[in-house]
Amino acid sequence: MSDKNKIITAYTLQQCNSCKEQSKQKFTEGDYVFQEISKCSSCDGQVLVTKIFGESLTQ
């Protein structure tokens, strides 16, 4: 398979430091690991970016 047929989409994995709830969001420019994003909707803890990764799709 040719690399021309692959589309790589970047994502961030966000996790609450209290209840450990996780969510995956599309990467936005300026995101970085350990960035404080917001308050957790479940427990009011701090949500941090824990991982930035890419997933490939084939056409």
PDB file of N, CA and C in Angstrom:
ATOM      1  N   MET A   1       0.840  -1.173   0.000  1.00  0.00           N
ATOM      2  CA  MET A   1       0.000   0.000   0.000  1.00  0.00           C
ATOM      3  C   MET A   1       0.889   1.241   0.000  1.00  0.00           C
ATOM      4  N   SER A   2       0.494   2.200  -0.757  1.00  0.00           N
ATOM      5  CA  SER A   2       1.245   3.444  -0.873  1.00  0.00           C
ATOM      6  C   SER A   2       0.905   4.384   0.272  1.00  0.00           C
ATOM      7  N   ASP A   3       1.902   5.162   0.711  1.00  0.00           N
ATOM      8  CA  ASP A   3       1.656   6.147   1.764  1.00  0.00           C
ATOM      9  C   ASP A   3       0.711   7.243   1.295  1.00  0.00           C
ATOM     10  N   LYS A   4       0.556   7.397  -0.021  1.00  0.00           N
ATOM     11  CA  LYS A   4      -0.349   8.415  -0.554  1.00  0.00           C
ATOM     12  C   LYS A   4      -1.802   8.100  -0.219  1.00  0.00           C
ATOM     13  N   ASN A   5      -2.105   6.843   0.059  1.00  0.00           N
ATOM     14  CA  ASN A   5      -3.469   6.434   0.360  1.00  0.00           C
ATOM     15  C   ASN A   5      -3.793   6.484   1.846  1.00  0.00           C
ATOM     16  N   LYS A   6      -2.817   6.844   2.673  1.00  0.00           N
ATOM     17  CA  LYS A   6      -3.041   6.911   4.115  1.00  0.00           C
ATOM     18  C   LYS A   6      -3.361   8.340   4.527  1.00  0.00           C
ATOM     19  N   ILE A   7      -4.343   8.472   5.381  1.00  0.00           N
ATOM     20  CA  ILE A   7      -4.662   9.762   5.991  1.00  0.00           C
ATOM     21  C   ILE A   7      -4.440   9.589   7.484  1.00  0.00           C
ATOM     22  N   ILE A   8      -3.574  10.409   8.054  1.00  0.00           N
ATOM     23  CA  ILE A   8      -3.293  10.326   9.486  1.00  0.00           C
ATOM     24  C   ILE A   8      -3.962  11.501  10.181  1.00  0.00           C
ATOM     25  N   THR A   9      -4.777  11.186  11.174  1.00  0.00           N
ATOM     26  CA  THR A   9      -5.472  12.197  11.957  1.00  0.00           C
ATOM     27  C   THR A   9      -4.884  12.207  13.357  1.00  0.00           C
ATOM     28  N   ALA A  10      -4.549  13.386  13.850  1.00  0.00           N
ATOM     29  CA  ALA A  10      -3.957  13.524  15.187  1.00  0.00           C
ATOM     30  C   ALA A  10      -5.059  13.691  16.231  1.00  0.00           C
ATOM     31  N   TYR A  11      -4.859  13.045  17.377  1.00  0.00           N
ATOM     32  CA  TYR A  11      -5.806  13.104  18.494  1.00  0.00           C
ATOM     33  C   TYR A  11      -5.064  13.392  19.791  1.00  0.00           C
ATOM     34  N   THR A  12      -5.796  13.907  20.769  1.00  0.00           N
ATOM     35  CA  THR A  12      -5.271  14.037  22.124  1.00  0.00           C
ATOM     36  C   THR A  12      -6.119  13.160  23.041  1.00  0.00           C
ATOM     37  N   LEU A  13      -5.469  12.516  23.991  1.00  0.00           N
ATOM     38  CA  LEU A  13      -6.164  11.758  25.019  1.00  0.00           C
ATOM     39  C   LEU A  13      -6.145  12.614  26.274  1.00  0.00           C
ATOM     40  N   GLN A  14      -7.328  12.883  26.813  1.00  0.00           N
ATOM     41  CA  GLN A  14      -7.452  13.725  27.997  1.00  0.00           C
ATOM     42  C   GLN A  14      -7.948  12.873  29.148  1.00  0.00           C
ATOM     43  N   GLN A  15      -7.397  13.125  30.352  1.00  0.00           N
ATOM     44  CA  GLN A  15      -7.757  12.313  31.511  1.00  0.00           C
ATOM     45  C   GLN A  15      -7.867  13.198  32.742  1.00  0.00           C
ATOM     46  N   CYS A  16      -8.887  12.928  33.554  1.00  0.00           N
ATOM     47  CA  CYS A  16      -9.057  13.613  34.833  1.00  0.00           C
ATOM     48  C   CYS A  16      -8.041  13.053  35.825  1.00  0.00           C
ATOM     49  N   ASN A  17      -7.373  13.927  36.559  1.00  0.00           N
ATOM     50  CA  ASN A  17      -6.372  13.449  37.518  1.00  0.00           C
ATOM     51  C   ASN A  17      -7.004  12.921  38.809  1.00  0.00           C
ATOM     52  N   SER A  18      -8.305  13.096  38.999  1.00  0.00           N
ATOM     53  CA  SER A  18      -8.975  12.580  40.196  1.00  0.00           C
ATOM     54  C   SER A  18      -9.700  11.257  39.929  1.00  0.00           C
ATOM     55  N   CYS A  19     -10.678  11.281  39.025  1.00  0.00           N
ATOM     56  CA  CYS A  19     -11.493  10.080  38.789  1.00  0.00           C
ATOM     57  C   CYS A  19     -10.990   9.235  37.617  1.00  0.00           C
ATOM     58  N   LYS A  20      -9.980   9.708  36.896  1.00  0.00           N
ATOM     59  CA  LYS A  20      -9.341   8.985  35.783  1.00  0.00           C
ATOM     60  C   LYS A  20     -10.246   8.805  34.563  1.00  0.00           C
ATOM     61  N   GLU A  21     -11.355   9.542  34.477  1.00  0.00           N
ATOM     62  CA  GLU A  21     -12.203   9.493  33.285  1.00  0.00           C
ATOM     63  C   GLU A  21     -11.410  10.012  32.087  1.00  0.00           C
ATOM     64  N   GLN A  22     -11.529   9.315  30.940  1.00  0.00           N
ATOM     65  CA  GLN A  22     -10.758   9.678  29.751  1.00  0.00           C
ATOM     66  C   GLN A  22     -11.676  10.057  28.599  1.00  0.00           C
ATOM     67  N   SER A  23     -11.152  10.907  27.717  1.00  0.00           N
ATOM     68  CA  SER A  23     -11.853  11.218  26.479  1.00  0.00           C
ATOM     69  C   SER A  23     -10.827  11.473  25.387  1.00  0.00           C
ATOM     70  N   LYS A  24     -11.238  11.206  24.151  1.00  0.00           N
ATOM     71  CA  LYS A  24     -10.367  11.418  22.994  1.00  0.00           C
ATOM     72  C   LYS A  24     -10.946  12.567  22.186  1.00  0.00           C
ATOM     73  N   GLN A  25     -10.105  13.531  21.845  1.00  0.00           N
ATOM     74  CA  GLN A  25     -10.519  14.692  21.062  1.00  0.00           C
ATOM     75  C   GLN A  25      -9.587  14.845  19.877  1.00  0.00           C
ATOM     76  N   LYS A  26     -10.051  15.495  18.819  1.00  0.00           N
ATOM     77  CA  LYS A  26      -9.147  15.815  17.717  1.00  0.00           C
ATOM     78  C   LYS A  26      -8.121  16.820  18.207  1.00  0.00           C
ATOM     79  N   PHE A  27      -6.887  16.638  17.769  1.00  0.00           N
ATOM     80  CA  PHE A  27      -5.787  17.534  18.124  1.00  0.00           C
ATOM     81  C   PHE A  27      -6.062  18.926  17.573  1.00  0.00           C
ATOM     82  N   THR A  28      -5.803  19.927  18.392  1.00  0.00           N
ATOM     83  CA  THR A  28      -5.856  21.306  17.923  1.00  0.00           C
ATOM     84  C   THR A  28      -4.492  21.930  18.140  1.00  0.00           C
ATOM     85  N   GLU A  29      -4.098  22.806  17.238  1.00  0.00           N
ATOM     86  CA  GLU A  29      -2.786  23.429  17.328  1.00  0.00           C
ATOM     87  C   GLU A  29      -2.633  24.110  18.680  1.00  0.00           C
ATOM     88  N   GLY A  30      -1.515  23.865  19.338  1.00  0.00           N
ATOM     89  CA  GLY A  30      -1.262  24.413  20.666  1.00  0.00           C
ATOM     90  C   GLY A  30      -1.421  23.394  21.778  1.00  0.00           C
ATOM     91  N   ASP A  31      -2.040  22.234  21.485  1.00  0.00           N
ATOM     92  CA  ASP A  31      -2.160  21.174  22.494  1.00  0.00           C
ATOM     93  C   ASP A  31      -0.779  20.624  22.827  1.00  0.00           C
ATOM     94  N   TYR A  32      -0.561  20.288  24.095  1.00  0.00           N
ATOM     95  CA  TYR A  32       0.692  19.668  24.520  1.00  0.00           C
ATOM     96  C   TYR A  32       0.432  18.772  25.721  1.00  0.00           C
ATOM     97  N   VAL A  33       1.310  17.790  25.930  1.00  0.00           N
ATOM     98  CA  VAL A  33       1.162  16.829  27.019  1.00  0.00           C
ATOM     99  C   VAL A  33       1.283  17.555  28.358  1.00  0.00           C
ATOM    100  N   PHE A  34       0.450  17.198  29.297  1.00  0.00           N
ATOM    101  CA  PHE A  34       0.317  17.764  30.647  1.00  0.00           C
ATOM    102  C   PHE A  34      -0.363  19.134  30.650  1.00  0.00           C
ATOM    103  N   GLN A  35      -0.930  19.550  29.513  1.00  0.00           N
ATOM    104  CA  GLN A  35      -1.680  20.803  29.453  1.00  0.00           C
ATOM    105  C   GLN A  35      -2.966  20.656  30.260  1.00  0.00           C
ATOM    106  N   GLU A  36      -3.270  21.637  31.099  1.00  0.00           N
ATOM    107  CA  GLU A  36      -4.520  21.637  31.849  1.00  0.00           C
ATOM    108  C   GLU A  36      -5.623  22.137  30.926  1.00  0.00           C
ATOM    109  N   ILE A  37      -6.644  21.311  30.725  1.00  0.00           N
ATOM    110  CA  ILE A  37      -7.701  21.624  29.770  1.00  0.00           C
ATOM    111  C   ILE A  37      -8.889  22.307  30.442  1.00  0.00           C
ATOM    112  N   SER A  38      -9.455  21.655  31.442  1.00  0.00           N
ATOM    113  CA  SER A  38     -10.680  22.155  32.060  1.00  0.00           C
ATOM    114  C   SER A  38     -10.939  21.398  33.359  1.00  0.00           C
ATOM    115  N   LYS A  39     -12.072  21.675  33.960  1.00  0.00           N
ATOM    116  CA  LYS A  39     -12.535  20.919  35.121  1.00  0.00           C
ATOM    117  C   LYS A  39     -13.338  19.722  34.634  1.00  0.00           C
ATOM    118  N   CYS A  40     -13.216  18.609  35.321  1.00  0.00           N
ATOM    119  CA  CYS A  40     -13.942  17.386  34.984  1.00  0.00           C
ATOM    120  C   CYS A  40     -15.438  17.586  35.232  1.00  0.00           C
ATOM    121  N   SER A  41     -16.247  17.136  34.286  1.00  0.00           N
ATOM    122  CA  SER A  41     -17.698  17.268  34.438  1.00  0.00           C
ATOM    123  C   SER A  41     -18.260  16.266  35.447  1.00  0.00           C
ATOM    124  N   SER A  42     -17.505  15.200  35.752  1.00  0.00           N
ATOM    125  CA  SER A  42     -17.985  14.181  36.686  1.00  0.00           C
ATOM    126  C   SER A  42     -17.653  14.496  38.138  1.00  0.00           C
ATOM    127  N   CYS A  43     -16.396  14.945  38.384  1.00  0.00           N
ATOM    128  CA  CYS A  43     -15.965  15.080  39.779  1.00  0.00           C
ATOM    129  C   CYS A  43     -15.340  16.440  40.099  1.00  0.00           C
ATOM    130  N   ASP A  44     -15.264  17.343  39.125  1.00  0.00           N
ATOM    131  CA  ASP A  44     -14.690  18.679  39.301  1.00  0.00           C
ATOM    132  C   ASP A  44     -13.171  18.653  39.482  1.00  0.00           C
ATOM    133  N   GLY A  45     -12.528  17.522  39.139  1.00  0.00           N
ATOM    134  CA  GLY A  45     -11.069  17.444  39.156  1.00  0.00           C
ATOM    135  C   GLY A  45     -10.485  18.137  37.931  1.00  0.00           C
ATOM    136  N   GLN A  46      -9.164  18.150  37.822  1.00  0.00           N
ATOM    137  CA  GLN A  46      -8.480  18.809  36.701  1.00  0.00           C
ATOM    138  C   GLN A  46      -8.262  17.817  35.555  1.00  0.00           C
ATOM    139  N   VAL A  47      -8.660  18.197  34.349  1.00  0.00           N
ATOM    140  CA  VAL A  47      -8.468  17.368  33.157  1.00  0.00           C
ATOM    141  C   VAL A  47      -7.190  17.809  32.452  1.00  0.00           C
ATOM    142  N   LEU A  48      -6.308  16.826  32.161  1.00  0.00           N
ATOM    143  CA  LEU A  48      -5.024  17.089  31.522  1.00  0.00           C
ATOM    144  C   LEU A  48      -4.904  16.300  30.223  1.00  0.00           C
ATOM    145  N   VAL A  49      -4.107  16.815  29.275  1.00  0.00           N
ATOM    146  CA  VAL A  49      -3.734  16.046  28.090  1.00  0.00           C
ATOM    147  C   VAL A  49      -2.681  15.037  28.536  1.00  0.00           C
ATOM    148  N   THR A  50      -2.930  13.745  28.308  1.00  0.00           N
ATOM    149  CA  THR A  50      -1.986  12.711  28.726  1.00  0.00           C
ATOM    150  C   THR A  50      -1.250  12.072  27.555  1.00  0.00           C
ATOM    151  N   LYS A  51      -1.796  12.207  26.341  1.00  0.00           N
ATOM    152  CA  LYS A  51      -1.157  11.578  25.180  1.00  0.00           C
ATOM    153  C   LYS A  51      -1.591  12.300  23.914  1.00  0.00           C
ATOM    154  N   ILE A  52      -0.661  12.426  22.972  1.00  0.00           N
ATOM    155  CA  ILE A  52      -0.965  12.923  21.631  1.00  0.00           C
ATOM    156  C   ILE A  52      -0.517  11.839  20.663  1.00  0.00           C
ATOM    157  N   PHE A  53      -1.418  11.421  19.770  1.00  0.00           N
ATOM    158  CA  PHE A  53      -1.106  10.311  18.875  1.00  0.00           C
ATOM    159  C   PHE A  53      -1.854  10.466  17.559  1.00  0.00           C
ATOM    160  N   GLY A  54      -1.462   9.685  16.574  1.00  0.00           N
ATOM    161  CA  GLY A  54      -2.125   9.707  15.278  1.00  0.00           C
ATOM    162  C   GLY A  54      -2.730   8.356  14.957  1.00  0.00           C
ATOM    163  N   GLU A  55      -3.862   8.378  14.268  1.00  0.00           N
ATOM    164  CA  GLU A  55      -4.500   7.161  13.774  1.00  0.00           C
ATOM    165  C   GLU A  55      -4.581   7.278  12.261  1.00  0.00           C
ATOM    166  N   SER A  56      -4.230   6.203  11.572  1.00  0.00           N
ATOM    167  CA  SER A  56      -4.244   6.256  10.111  1.00  0.00           C
ATOM    168  C   SER A  56      -5.500   5.599   9.555  1.00  0.00           C
ATOM    169  N   LEU A  57      -6.021   6.207   8.513  1.00  0.00           N
ATOM    170  CA  LEU A  57      -7.155   5.678   7.773  1.00  0.00           C
ATOM    171  C   LEU A  57      -6.675   5.410   6.363  1.00  0.00           C
ATOM    172  N   THR A  58      -7.155   4.338   5.752  1.00  0.00           N
ATOM    173  CA  THR A  58      -6.753   4.038   4.381  1.00  0.00           C
ATOM    174  C   THR A  58      -7.900   4.360   3.434  1.00  0.00           C
ATOM    175  N   GLN A  59      -7.526   4.792   2.254  1.00  0.00           N
ATOM    176  CA  GLN A  59      -8.546   5.094   1.247  1.00  0.00           C
ATOM    177  C   GLN A  59      -8.474   4.100   0.133  1.00  0.00           C
TER     178      GLN A  59
END
